[in-house]
C-alpha cells in the first residue's frame, strides 16, 4: 500500500501518547526543533509531571544540540485534540498488547492520513498490531532508550512500512539529538534490548539466589565495564513494573527462561518498590517532584 510522506513537518506538531518515564523524555527530545509537542495522558498528575519534566530539562538539552531551538510542550487530556494536525505520533503507553491494539485503532481513526505512526514498545513489534491501522505503510517501531542520557533510537519495520518512512525518520533523528539505528529484520527486543535482557535477567538471578546484593552487582559491573550505572540502578530508573511486563512477555515467547528473576520483581512490586518513581526499589531515592 502506498503512503504519501507528510509535508510541512517543521511547522506541524508532534504528538506523544503517554507521559510516563519514556513518554516525557521523548517529548523533551522532540521539542528541540522549535515545533509544538503535545503530550497526551488521561492521568492529570502524570501528564502535568511529564510536561514539567520536559520543560525543566529542555534548556540543558538544547545546549547539546547544534542549531537547537526551543519548542513548546503542551499537555493534552483529549486524544483527538492532541492528534489533530500532527505529522508524527509516538505511542508510549504500558507494555500491554491489547492496550496498544486499542490505542492504535484510535490513533488511526483520529490522526491525519499523512501522519507517521510509531510505537516505542520495547518488546512488542509493530507487526503485532499492524492490523489496527488501515494503512500500515505509515507504521513503524521507534524504540527509544533513556534520553537525554542515552540517545540511540532503534527503527524497525512493521513488515509493511514504506521504506521512505524509515529513511525520513533516520534522516531527521540527528537533528533532534538522537542517533538512529535501523533493525534489518524483525527482532523481539530489537538490538540493544536483546543484549540488555541477558544482563538484566542474570543480574536479577544473582540477587534472587543470594549470590550478591544489588549494590555489589552494580559495583562490580560499573568497575568492570567502566560505566556510571549498574544493572539494578538502571532497572530502578526504568521502573520495576515495566521490567516485569517485559520479562513476562519474553517468558511467554521463549519457554524455559528462569522464574526466579520474575518472582523477585513480583515480590518487590507487591511491596511498593517500583524504583525511582516510588522512591524505593533496589535503592532508596529522594521524593520526586
C-alpha atoms as a PDB file:
ATOM      1  CA  UNK A   1       0.000   0.000   0.000  1.00  0.00           C
ATOM      2  CA  UNK A   2       1.362   3.441  -0.908  1.00  0.00           C
ATOM      3  CA  UNK A   3       1.862   6.277   1.554  1.00  0.00           C
ATOM      4  CA  UNK A   4       2.353   9.992   0.987  1.00  0.00           C
ATOM      5  CA  UNK A   5       5.030  11.361   3.297  1.00  0.00           C
ATOM      6  CA  UNK A   6       3.897  14.289   5.455  1.00  0.00           C
ATOM      7  CA  UNK A   7       4.636  17.857   4.359  1.00  0.00           C
ATOM      8  CA  UNK A   8       5.359  20.982   6.446  1.00  0.00           C
ATOM      9  CA  UNK A   9       6.969  18.896   9.168  1.00  0.00           C
ATOM     10  CA  UNK A  10       8.874  21.918  10.509  1.00  0.00           C
ATOM     11  CA  UNK A  11       5.662  23.698  11.495  1.00  0.00           C
ATOM     12  CA  UNK A  12       3.245  20.875  12.306  1.00  0.00           C
ATOM     13  CA  UNK A  13       3.030  19.474  15.852  1.00  0.00           C
ATOM     14  CA  UNK A  14       4.264  16.130  17.134  1.00  0.00           C
ATOM     15  CA  UNK A  15       2.052  14.072  19.467  1.00  0.00           C
ATOM     16  CA  UNK A  16       3.354  11.758  22.199  1.00  0.00           C
ATOM     17  CA  UNK A  17       0.785   9.430  23.765  1.00  0.00           C
ATOM     18  CA  UNK A  18       1.766   8.541  27.325  1.00  0.00           C
ATOM     19  CA  UNK A  19       3.568  10.905  29.716  1.00  0.00           C
ATOM     20  CA  UNK A  20       5.364   8.289  31.794  1.00  0.00           C
ATOM     21  CA  UNK A  21       9.100   7.743  32.186  1.00  0.00           C
ATOM     22  CA  UNK A  22       9.834   7.470  28.471  1.00  0.00           C
ATOM     23  CA  UNK A  23       6.947   9.467  27.020  1.00  0.00           C
ATOM     24  CA  UNK A  24       8.082  12.647  28.759  1.00  0.00           C
ATOM     25  CA  UNK A  25      11.674  12.058  27.657  1.00  0.00           C
ATOM     26  CA  UNK A  26      10.621  11.563  24.044  1.00  0.00           C
ATOM     27  CA  UNK A  27       8.606  14.790  24.257  1.00  0.00           C
ATOM     28  CA  UNK A  28      11.705  16.546  25.580  1.00  0.00           C
ATOM     29  CA  UNK A  29      13.818  15.474  22.605  1.00  0.00           C
ATOM     30  CA  UNK A  30      11.101  16.276  20.072  1.00  0.00           C
ATOM     31  CA  UNK A  31      10.840  19.816  21.476  1.00  0.00           C
ATOM     32  CA  UNK A  32      14.350  20.762  20.332  1.00  0.00           C
ATOM     33  CA  UNK A  33      13.436  21.937  16.803  1.00  0.00           C
ATOM     34  CA  UNK A  34      11.003  24.734  17.618  1.00  0.00           C
ATOM     35  CA  UNK A  35       7.682  22.986  16.947  1.00  0.00           C
ATOM     36  CA  UNK A  36       4.811  22.249  19.310  1.00  0.00           C
ATOM     37  CA  UNK A  37       4.972  18.924  21.129  1.00  0.00           C
ATOM     38  CA  UNK A  38       1.713  17.614  22.537  1.00  0.00           C
ATOM     39  CA  UNK A  39       1.988  15.243  25.480  1.00  0.00           C
ATOM     40  CA  UNK A  40      -1.244  13.288  25.956  1.00  0.00           C
ATOM     41  CA  UNK A  41      -2.097  11.324  29.073  1.00  0.00           C
ATOM     42  CA  UNK A  42      -5.544  10.784  30.654  1.00  0.00           C
ATOM     43  CA  UNK A  43      -3.963  10.875  34.129  1.00  0.00           C
ATOM     44  CA  UNK A  44      -3.706  14.550  35.097  1.00  0.00           C
ATOM     45  CA  UNK A  45      -0.969  14.016  37.688  1.00  0.00           C
ATOM     46  CA  UNK A  46       1.221  12.024  35.297  1.00  0.00           C
ATOM     47  CA  UNK A  47       0.542  14.453  32.429  1.00  0.00           C
ATOM     48  CA  UNK A  48       1.430  17.530  34.463  1.00  0.00           C
ATOM     49  CA  UNK A  49       4.571  15.894  35.839  1.00  0.00           C
ATOM     50  CA  UNK A  50       5.613  14.888  32.321  1.00  0.00           C
ATOM     51  CA  UNK A  51       5.165  18.384  30.924  1.00  0.00           C
ATOM     52  CA  UNK A  52       7.010  19.901  33.900  1.00  0.00           C
ATOM     53  CA  UNK A  53       9.926  17.486  33.455  1.00  0.00           C
ATOM     54  CA  UNK A  54      10.279  18.174  29.731  1.00  0.00           C
ATOM     55  CA  UNK A  55      10.099  21.949  30.166  1.00  0.00           C
ATOM     56  CA  UNK A  56      12.595  21.886  33.016  1.00  0.00           C
ATOM     57  CA  UNK A  57      15.145  19.786  31.141  1.00  0.00           C
ATOM     58  CA  UNK A  58      14.796  21.481  27.755  1.00  0.00           C
ATOM     59  CA  UNK A  59      17.313  24.344  28.223  1.00  0.00           C
ATOM     60  CA  UNK A  60      20.124  21.944  29.175  1.00  0.00           C
ATOM     61  CA  UNK A  61      19.354  19.580  26.300  1.00  0.00           C
ATOM     62  CA  UNK A  62      19.292  22.442  23.781  1.00  0.00           C
ATOM     63  CA  UNK A  63      22.874  23.265  24.722  1.00  0.00           C
ATOM     64  CA  UNK A  64      23.942  19.850  23.391  1.00  0.00           C
ATOM     65  CA  UNK A  65      22.146  20.125  20.026  1.00  0.00           C
ATOM     66  CA  UNK A  66      23.638  22.276  17.249  1.00  0.00           C
ATOM     67  CA  UNK A  67      21.053  24.759  15.916  1.00  0.00           C
ATOM     68  CA  UNK A  68      18.557  23.569  18.527  1.00  0.00           C
ATOM     69  CA  UNK A  69      15.510  25.746  19.051  1.00  0.00           C
ATOM     70  CA  UNK A  70      13.082  25.517  21.953  1.00  0.00           C
ATOM     71  CA  UNK A  71       9.655  24.255  21.032  1.00  0.00           C
ATOM     72  CA  UNK A  72       6.543  24.378  23.170  1.00  0.00           C
ATOM     73  CA  UNK A  73       5.466  21.395  25.273  1.00  0.00           C
ATOM     74  CA  UNK A  74       1.747  21.259  25.956  1.00  0.00           C
ATOM     75  CA  UNK A  75      -0.258  18.720  27.959  1.00  0.00           C
ATOM     76  CA  UNK A  76      -3.473  17.297  26.467  1.00  0.00           C
ATOM     77  CA  UNK A  77      -6.231  15.244  28.064  1.00  0.00           C
ATOM     78  CA  UNK A  78      -8.129  14.830  24.789  1.00  0.00           C
ATOM     79  CA  UNK A  79      -6.565  12.414  22.292  1.00  0.00           C
ATOM     80  CA  UNK A  80      -8.392  13.792  19.241  1.00  0.00           C
ATOM     81  CA  UNK A  81      -7.195  17.318  20.005  1.00  0.00           C
ATOM     82  CA  UNK A  82      -3.635  16.098  20.602  1.00  0.00           C
ATOM     83  CA  UNK A  83      -3.527  14.266  17.269  1.00  0.00           C
ATOM     84  CA  UNK A  84      -5.117  16.949  15.099  1.00  0.00           C
ATOM     85  CA  UNK A  85      -2.619  18.221  12.536  1.00  0.00           C
ATOM     86  CA  UNK A  86       0.327  16.222  13.927  1.00  0.00           C
ATOM     87  CA  UNK A  87       2.793  14.926  11.333  1.00  0.00           C
ATOM     88  CA  UNK A  88       4.257  12.357  13.735  1.00  0.00           C
ATOM     89  CA  UNK A  89       2.651  10.332  16.541  1.00  0.00           C
ATOM     90  CA  UNK A  90       4.605   8.239  19.064  1.00  0.00           C
ATOM     91  CA  UNK A  91       2.829   5.745  21.324  1.00  0.00           C
ATOM     92  CA  UNK A  92       4.478   5.316  24.736  1.00  0.00           C
ATOM     93  CA  UNK A  93       1.823   3.514  26.795  1.00  0.00           C
ATOM     94  CA  UNK A  94       2.415   0.480  29.095  1.00  0.00           C
ATOM     95  CA  UNK A  95       3.605  -2.837  27.653  1.00  0.00           C
ATOM     96  CA  UNK A  96       0.175  -4.444  27.274  1.00  0.00           C
ATOM     97  CA  UNK A  97      -0.630  -5.775  23.826  1.00  0.00           C
ATOM     98  CA  UNK A  98      -4.410  -5.323  23.963  1.00  0.00           C
ATOM     99  CA  UNK A  99      -3.951  -1.748  25.166  1.00  0.00           C
ATOM    100  CA  UNK A 100      -1.610  -0.992  22.278  1.00  0.00           C
ATOM    101  CA  UNK A 101      -4.023  -2.519  19.762  1.00  0.00           C
ATOM    102  CA  UNK A 102      -6.836  -0.381  21.129  1.00  0.00           C
ATOM    103  CA  UNK A 103      -4.698   2.771  21.164  1.00  0.00           C
ATOM    104  CA  UNK A 104      -3.591   2.301  17.553  1.00  0.00           C
ATOM    105  CA  UNK A 105      -7.152   1.839  16.362  1.00  0.00           C
ATOM    106  CA  UNK A 106      -7.948   5.206  17.933  1.00  0.00           C
ATOM    107  CA  UNK A 107      -4.802   6.819  16.552  1.00  0.00           C
ATOM    108  CA  UNK A 108      -5.602   5.533  13.064  1.00  0.00           C
ATOM    109  CA  UNK A 109      -9.109   6.983  13.174  1.00  0.00           C
ATOM    110  CA  UNK A 110      -8.173  10.339  14.720  1.00  0.00           C
ATOM    111  CA  UNK A 111      -4.817  11.219  13.143  1.00  0.00           C
ATOM    112  CA  UNK A 112      -4.197  12.970   9.824  1.00  0.00           C
ATOM    113  CA  UNK A 113      -3.862  10.425   6.990  1.00  0.00           C
ATOM    114  CA  UNK A 114      -0.268  11.503   6.267  1.00  0.00           C
ATOM    115  CA  UNK A 115       0.899  11.231   9.893  1.00  0.00           C
ATOM    116  CA  UNK A 116       3.737   8.800  10.564  1.00  0.00           C
ATOM    117  CA  UNK A 117       2.740   6.472  13.409  1.00  0.00           C
ATOM    118  CA  UNK A 118       5.319   4.907  15.722  1.00  0.00           C
ATOM    119  CA  UNK A 119       5.366   2.676  18.774  1.00  0.00           C
ATOM    120  CA  UNK A 120       8.004   2.946  21.476  1.00  0.00           C
ATOM    121  CA  UNK A 121       7.219  -0.602  22.654  1.00  0.00           C
ATOM    122  CA  UNK A 122      10.359  -2.353  23.828  1.00  0.00           C
ATOM    123  CA  UNK A 123       9.124  -5.913  23.435  1.00  0.00           C
ATOM    124  CA  UNK A 124       6.172  -5.934  21.014  1.00  0.00           C
ATOM    125  CA  UNK A 125       6.973  -5.428  17.326  1.00  0.00           C
ATOM    126  CA  UNK A 126       4.503  -3.229  15.452  1.00  0.00           C
ATOM    127  CA  UNK A 127       3.568  -6.246  13.328  1.00  0.00           C
ATOM    128  CA  UNK A 128       1.628  -7.391  16.436  1.00  0.00           C
ATOM    129  CA  UNK A 129      -0.864  -4.545  15.996  1.00  0.00           C
ATOM    130  CA  UNK A 130      -0.413  -3.572  12.326  1.00  0.00           C
ATOM    131  CA  UNK A 131      -3.963  -4.796  11.664  1.00  0.00           C
ATOM    132  CA  UNK A 132      -5.188  -1.941  13.888  1.00  0.00           C
ATOM    133  CA  UNK A 133      -4.053   0.526  11.221  1.00  0.00           C
ATOM    134  CA  UNK A 134      -5.756   0.799   7.823  1.00  0.00           C
ATOM    135  CA  UNK A 135      -2.513   1.748   6.093  1.00  0.00           C
ATOM    136  CA  UNK A 136       0.386   0.008   7.878  1.00  0.00           C
ATOM    137  CA  UNK A 137       2.790   1.569   5.387  1.00  0.00           C
ATOM    138  CA  UNK A 138       2.910   4.535   7.779  1.00  0.00           C
ATOM    139  CA  UNK A 139       3.550   2.430  10.908  1.00  0.00           C
ATOM    140  CA  UNK A 140       6.945   1.555  12.395  1.00  0.00           C
ATOM    141  CA  UNK A 141       8.677   0.748  15.662  1.00  0.00           C
ATOM    142  CA  UNK A 142      10.770   3.530  17.210  1.00  0.00           C
ATOM    143  CA  UNK A 143      12.429   2.247  20.355  1.00  0.00           C
ATOM    144  CA  UNK A 144      13.998   4.973  22.485  1.00  0.00           C
ATOM    145  CA  UNK A 145      16.313   4.024  25.333  1.00  0.00           C
ATOM    146  CA  UNK A 146      16.555   6.658  28.090  1.00  0.00           C
ATOM    147  CA  UNK A 147      17.140  10.102  26.556  1.00  0.00           C
ATOM    148  CA  UNK A 148      18.663  12.582  27.020  1.00  0.00           C
ATOM    149  CA  UNK A 149      21.339  10.430  28.680  1.00  0.00           C
ATOM    150  CA  UNK A 150      21.061   7.543  26.197  1.00  0.00           C
ATOM    151  CA  UNK A 151      20.257   8.829  22.719  1.00  0.00           C
ATOM    152  CA  UNK A 152      20.059   5.780  20.395  1.00  0.00           C
ATOM    153  CA  UNK A 153      16.719   5.166  18.661  1.00  0.00           C
ATOM    154  CA  UNK A 154      16.077   1.796  17.015  1.00  0.00           C
ATOM    155  CA  UNK A 155      13.899   1.864  13.887  1.00  0.00           C
ATOM    156  CA  UNK A 156      12.153  -1.318  12.763  1.00  0.00           C
ATOM    157  CA  UNK A 157       9.582  -2.005  10.071  1.00  0.00           C
ATOM    158  CA  UNK A 158       6.198  -3.467  10.945  1.00  0.00           C
ATOM    159  CA  UNK A 159       6.702  -5.684   7.889  1.00  0.00           C
ATOM    160  CA  UNK A 160       4.704  -3.334   5.681  1.00  0.00           C
ATOM    161  CA  UNK A 161       6.339   0.003   6.473  1.00  0.00           C
ATOM    162  CA  UNK A 162       7.099   2.147   3.432  1.00  0.00           C
ATOM    163  CA  UNK A 163      10.940   2.275   3.262  1.00  0.00           C
ATOM    164  CA  UNK A 164      10.670   6.012   2.632  1.00  0.00           C
ATOM    165  CA  UNK A 165       9.172   6.406   6.122  1.00  0.00           C
ATOM    166  CA  UNK A 166      12.187   4.765   7.786  1.00  0.00           C
ATOM    167  CA  UNK A 167      14.564   6.757   5.545  1.00  0.00           C
ATOM    168  CA  UNK A 168      12.880  10.033   6.521  1.00  0.00           C
ATOM    169  CA  UNK A 169      12.874   9.288  10.261  1.00  0.00           C
ATOM    170  CA  UNK A 170      16.524   8.132  10.143  1.00  0.00           C
ATOM    171  CA  UNK A 171      17.472  11.355   8.362  1.00  0.00           C
ATOM    172  CA  UNK A 172      15.626  13.565  10.870  1.00  0.00           C
ATOM    173  CA  UNK A 173      16.665  11.958  14.174  1.00  0.00           C
ATOM    174  CA  UNK A 174      20.164  13.504  14.422  1.00  0.00           C
ATOM    175  CA  UNK A 175      18.639  16.993  14.276  1.00  0.00           C
ATOM    176  CA  UNK A 176      16.750  16.113  17.473  1.00  0.00           C
ATOM    177  CA  UNK A 177      19.962  15.000  19.186  1.00  0.00           C
ATOM    178  CA  UNK A 178      19.231  11.308  18.604  1.00  0.00           C
ATOM    179  CA  UNK A 179      21.163   8.569  16.795  1.00  0.00           C
ATOM    180  CA  UNK A 180      19.109   6.209  14.600  1.00  0.00           C
ATOM    181  CA  UNK A 181      19.917   2.511  14.229  1.00  0.00           C
ATOM    182  CA  UNK A 182      17.959   0.503  11.673  1.00  0.00           C
ATOM    183  CA  UNK A 183      16.987  -3.063  12.652  1.00  0.00           C
ATOM    184  CA  UNK A 184      17.443  -5.115   9.488  1.00  0.00           C
ATOM    185  CA  UNK A 185      14.786  -7.728  10.259  1.00  0.00           C
ATOM    186  CA  UNK A 186      12.037  -8.094  12.863  1.00  0.00           C
ATOM    187  CA  UNK A 187      13.501  -8.849  16.265  1.00  0.00           C
ATOM    188  CA  UNK A 188      11.746  -9.150  19.634  1.00  0.00           C
ATOM    189  CA  UNK A 189      13.774  -6.801  21.792  1.00  0.00           C
ATOM    190  CA  UNK A 190      15.345  -5.023  18.814  1.00  0.00           C
ATOM    191  CA  UNK A 191      19.166  -4.886  19.090  1.00  0.00           C
ATOM    192  CA  UNK A 192      20.126  -3.310  22.397  1.00  0.00           C
ATOM    193  CA  UNK A 193      17.356  -4.880  24.469  1.00  0.00           C
ATOM    194  CA  UNK A 194      18.313  -8.386  23.401  1.00  0.00           C
ATOM    195  CA  UNK A 195      21.769  -7.751  24.818  1.00  0.00           C
ATOM    196  CA  UNK A 196      20.419  -5.861  27.857  1.00  0.00           C
ATOM    197  CA  UNK A 197      17.833  -8.596  28.577  1.00  0.00           C
ATOM    198  CA  UNK A 198      20.561 -11.146  29.195  1.00  0.00           C
ATOM    199  CA  UNK A 199      22.455  -8.791  31.544  1.00  0.00           C
ATOM    200  CA  UNK A 200      19.279  -7.723  33.359  1.00  0.00           C
ATOM    201  CA  UNK A 201      17.929 -11.250  33.778  1.00  0.00           C
ATOM    202  CA  UNK A 202      21.175 -12.685  35.091  1.00  0.00           C
ATOM    203  CA  UNK A 203      21.630  -9.737  37.469  1.00  0.00           C
ATOM    204  CA  UNK A 204      18.169 -10.457  38.882  1.00  0.00           C
ATOM    205  CA  UNK A 205      19.074 -14.141  39.139  1.00  0.00           C
ATOM    206  CA  UNK A 206      22.252 -13.337  41.073  1.00  0.00           C
ATOM    207  CA  UNK A 207      20.306 -11.194  43.568  1.00  0.00           C
ATOM    208  CA  UNK A 208      17.372 -13.635  43.826  1.00  0.00           C
ATOM    209  CA  UNK A 209      19.667 -16.581  44.565  1.00  0.00           C
ATOM    210  CA  UNK A 210      21.571 -14.697  47.256  1.00  0.00           C
ATOM    211  CA  UNK A 211      24.903 -14.701  45.445  1.00  0.00           C
ATOM    212  CA  UNK A 212      25.296 -10.933  45.817  1.00  0.00           C
ATOM    213  CA  UNK A 213      23.375  -7.830  46.816  1.00  0.00           C
ATOM    214  CA  UNK A 214      22.134  -5.299  44.237  1.00  0.00           C
ATOM    215  CA  UNK A 215      24.856  -2.921  45.463  1.00  0.00           C
ATOM    216  CA  UNK A 216      27.604  -5.456  44.805  1.00  0.00           C
ATOM    217  CA  UNK A 217      26.161  -6.412  41.410  1.00  0.00           C
ATOM    218  CA  UNK A 218      26.161  -2.759  40.377  1.00  0.00           C
ATOM    219  CA  UNK A 219      29.590  -2.007  41.804  1.00  0.00           C
ATOM    220  CA  UNK A 220      31.383  -4.865  40.043  1.00  0.00           C
ATOM    221  CA  UNK A 221      29.518  -4.170  36.792  1.00  0.00           C
ATOM    222  CA  UNK A 222      30.403  -0.460  36.854  1.00  0.00           C
ATOM    223  CA  UNK A 223      34.064  -1.133  37.567  1.00  0.00           C
ATOM    224  CA  UNK A 224      34.451  -3.956  35.047  1.00  0.00           C
ATOM    225  CA  UNK A 225      32.557  -2.196  32.243  1.00  0.00           C
ATOM    226  CA  UNK A 226      33.691   1.359  33.123  1.00  0.00           C
ATOM    227  CA  UNK A 227      30.099   2.642  33.219  1.00  0.00           C
ATOM    228  CA  UNK A 228      28.321   5.094  35.522  1.00  0.00           C
ATOM    229  CA  UNK A 229      25.232   2.925  36.075  1.00  0.00           C
ATOM    230  CA  UNK A 230      24.834  -0.701  37.098  1.00  0.00           C
ATOM    231  CA  UNK A 231      22.022  -3.087  36.070  1.00  0.00           C
ATOM    232  CA  UNK A 232      19.970  -2.748  39.273  1.00  0.00           C
ATOM    233  CA  UNK A 233      20.008   1.041  39.344  1.00  0.00           C
ATOM    234  CA  UNK A 234      19.187   1.057  35.620  1.00  0.00           C
ATOM    235  CA  UNK A 235      16.137  -1.135  36.264  1.00  0.00           C
ATOM    236  CA  UNK A 236      15.078   1.197  39.077  1.00  0.00           C
ATOM    237  CA  UNK A 237      15.188   4.101  36.603  1.00  0.00           C
ATOM    238  CA  UNK A 238      13.019   2.281  34.064  1.00  0.00           C
ATOM    239  CA  UNK A 239      10.542   1.064  36.693  1.00  0.00           C
ATOM    240  CA  UNK A 240      10.412  -2.491  38.018  1.00  0.00           C
ATOM    241  CA  UNK A 241       6.788  -2.852  36.916  1.00  0.00           C
ATOM    242  CA  UNK A 242       7.882  -2.106  33.341  1.00  0.00           C
ATOM    243  CA  UNK A 243      10.804  -4.524  33.684  1.00  0.00           C
ATOM    244  CA  UNK A 244       8.421  -7.258  34.860  1.00  0.00           C
ATOM    245  CA  UNK A 245       5.989  -6.658  31.982  1.00  0.00           C
ATOM    246  CA  UNK A 246       8.829  -7.062  29.508  1.00  0.00           C
ATOM    247  CA  UNK A 247      10.152 -10.154  31.261  1.00  0.00           C
ATOM    248  CA  UNK A 248       6.676 -11.734  31.295  1.00  0.00           C
ATOM    249  CA  UNK A 249       6.450 -11.190  27.553  1.00  0.00           C
ATOM    250  CA  UNK A 250       9.895 -12.720  26.954  1.00  0.00           C
ATOM    251  CA  UNK A 251       8.929 -15.703  29.125  1.00  0.00           C
ATOM    252  CA  UNK A 252       5.741 -16.201  27.107  1.00  0.00           C
ATOM    253  CA  UNK A 253       7.652 -16.140  23.833  1.00  0.00           C
ATOM    254  CA  UNK A 254      10.767 -18.040  24.977  1.00  0.00           C
ATOM    255  CA  UNK A 255       9.892 -21.105  27.079  1.00  0.00           C
ATOM    256  CA  UNK A 256      12.365 -22.181  29.733  1.00  0.00           C
ATOM    257  CA  UNK A 257      13.560 -18.815  30.992  1.00  0.00           C
ATOM    258  CA  UNK A 258      14.331 -18.874  34.747  1.00  0.00           C
ATOM    259  CA  UNK A 259      11.417 -17.957  37.008  1.00  0.00           C
ATOM    260  CA  UNK A 260      13.473 -16.503  39.888  1.00  0.00           C
ATOM    261  CA  UNK A 261      14.016 -13.063  38.286  1.00  0.00           C
ATOM    262  CA  UNK A 262      10.265 -12.589  37.788  1.00  0.00           C
ATOM    263  CA  UNK A 263       9.486 -13.857  41.290  1.00  0.00           C
ATOM    264  CA  UNK A 264      11.882 -11.283  42.749  1.00  0.00           C
ATOM    265  CA  UNK A 265      10.290  -8.491  40.706  1.00  0.00           C
ATOM    266  CA  UNK A 266       6.763  -9.531  41.730  1.00  0.00           C
ATOM    267  CA  UNK A 267       7.767  -9.518  45.409  1.00  0.00           C
ATOM    268  CA  UNK A 268       9.320  -6.060  45.145  1.00  0.00           C
ATOM    269  CA  UNK A 269       6.334  -4.640  43.278  1.00  0.00           C
ATOM    270  CA  UNK A 270       3.926  -6.074  45.867  1.00  0.00           C
ATOM    271  CA  UNK A 271       5.939  -4.188  48.495  1.00  0.00           C
ATOM    272  CA  UNK A 272       5.584  -0.936  46.541  1.00  0.00           C
ATOM    273  CA  UNK A 273       9.220  -0.978  45.468  1.00  0.00           C
ATOM    274  CA  UNK A 274       8.929   0.041  41.811  1.00  0.00           C
ATOM    275  CA  UNK A 275      12.128   2.059  41.609  1.00  0.00           C
ATOM    276  CA  UNK A 276      12.772   5.775  41.260  1.00  0.00           C
ATOM    277  CA  UNK A 277       9.128   6.655  40.637  1.00  0.00           C
ATOM    278  CA  UNK A 278       8.014   5.319  44.042  1.00  0.00           C
ATOM    279  CA  UNK A 279      11.132   6.405  45.897  1.00  0.00           C
ATOM    280  CA  UNK A 280      12.372   2.874  46.531  1.00  0.00           C
ATOM    281  CA  UNK A 281      13.361  -0.157  44.506  1.00  0.00           C
ATOM    282  CA  UNK A 282      16.753  -1.834  44.797  1.00  0.00           C
ATOM    283  CA  UNK A 283      17.773   1.541  46.254  1.00  0.00           C
ATOM    284  CA  UNK A 284      16.040   4.381  48.121  1.00  0.00           C
ATOM    285  CA  UNK A 285      15.538   7.696  46.319  1.00  0.00           C
ATOM    286  CA  UNK A 286      14.605  11.234  47.335  1.00  0.00           C
ATOM    287  CA  UNK A 287      10.976  12.208  46.872  1.00  0.00           C
ATOM    288  CA  UNK A 288      10.082  13.059  43.267  1.00  0.00           C
ATOM    289  CA  UNK A 289       8.592  16.421  42.346  1.00  0.00           C
END
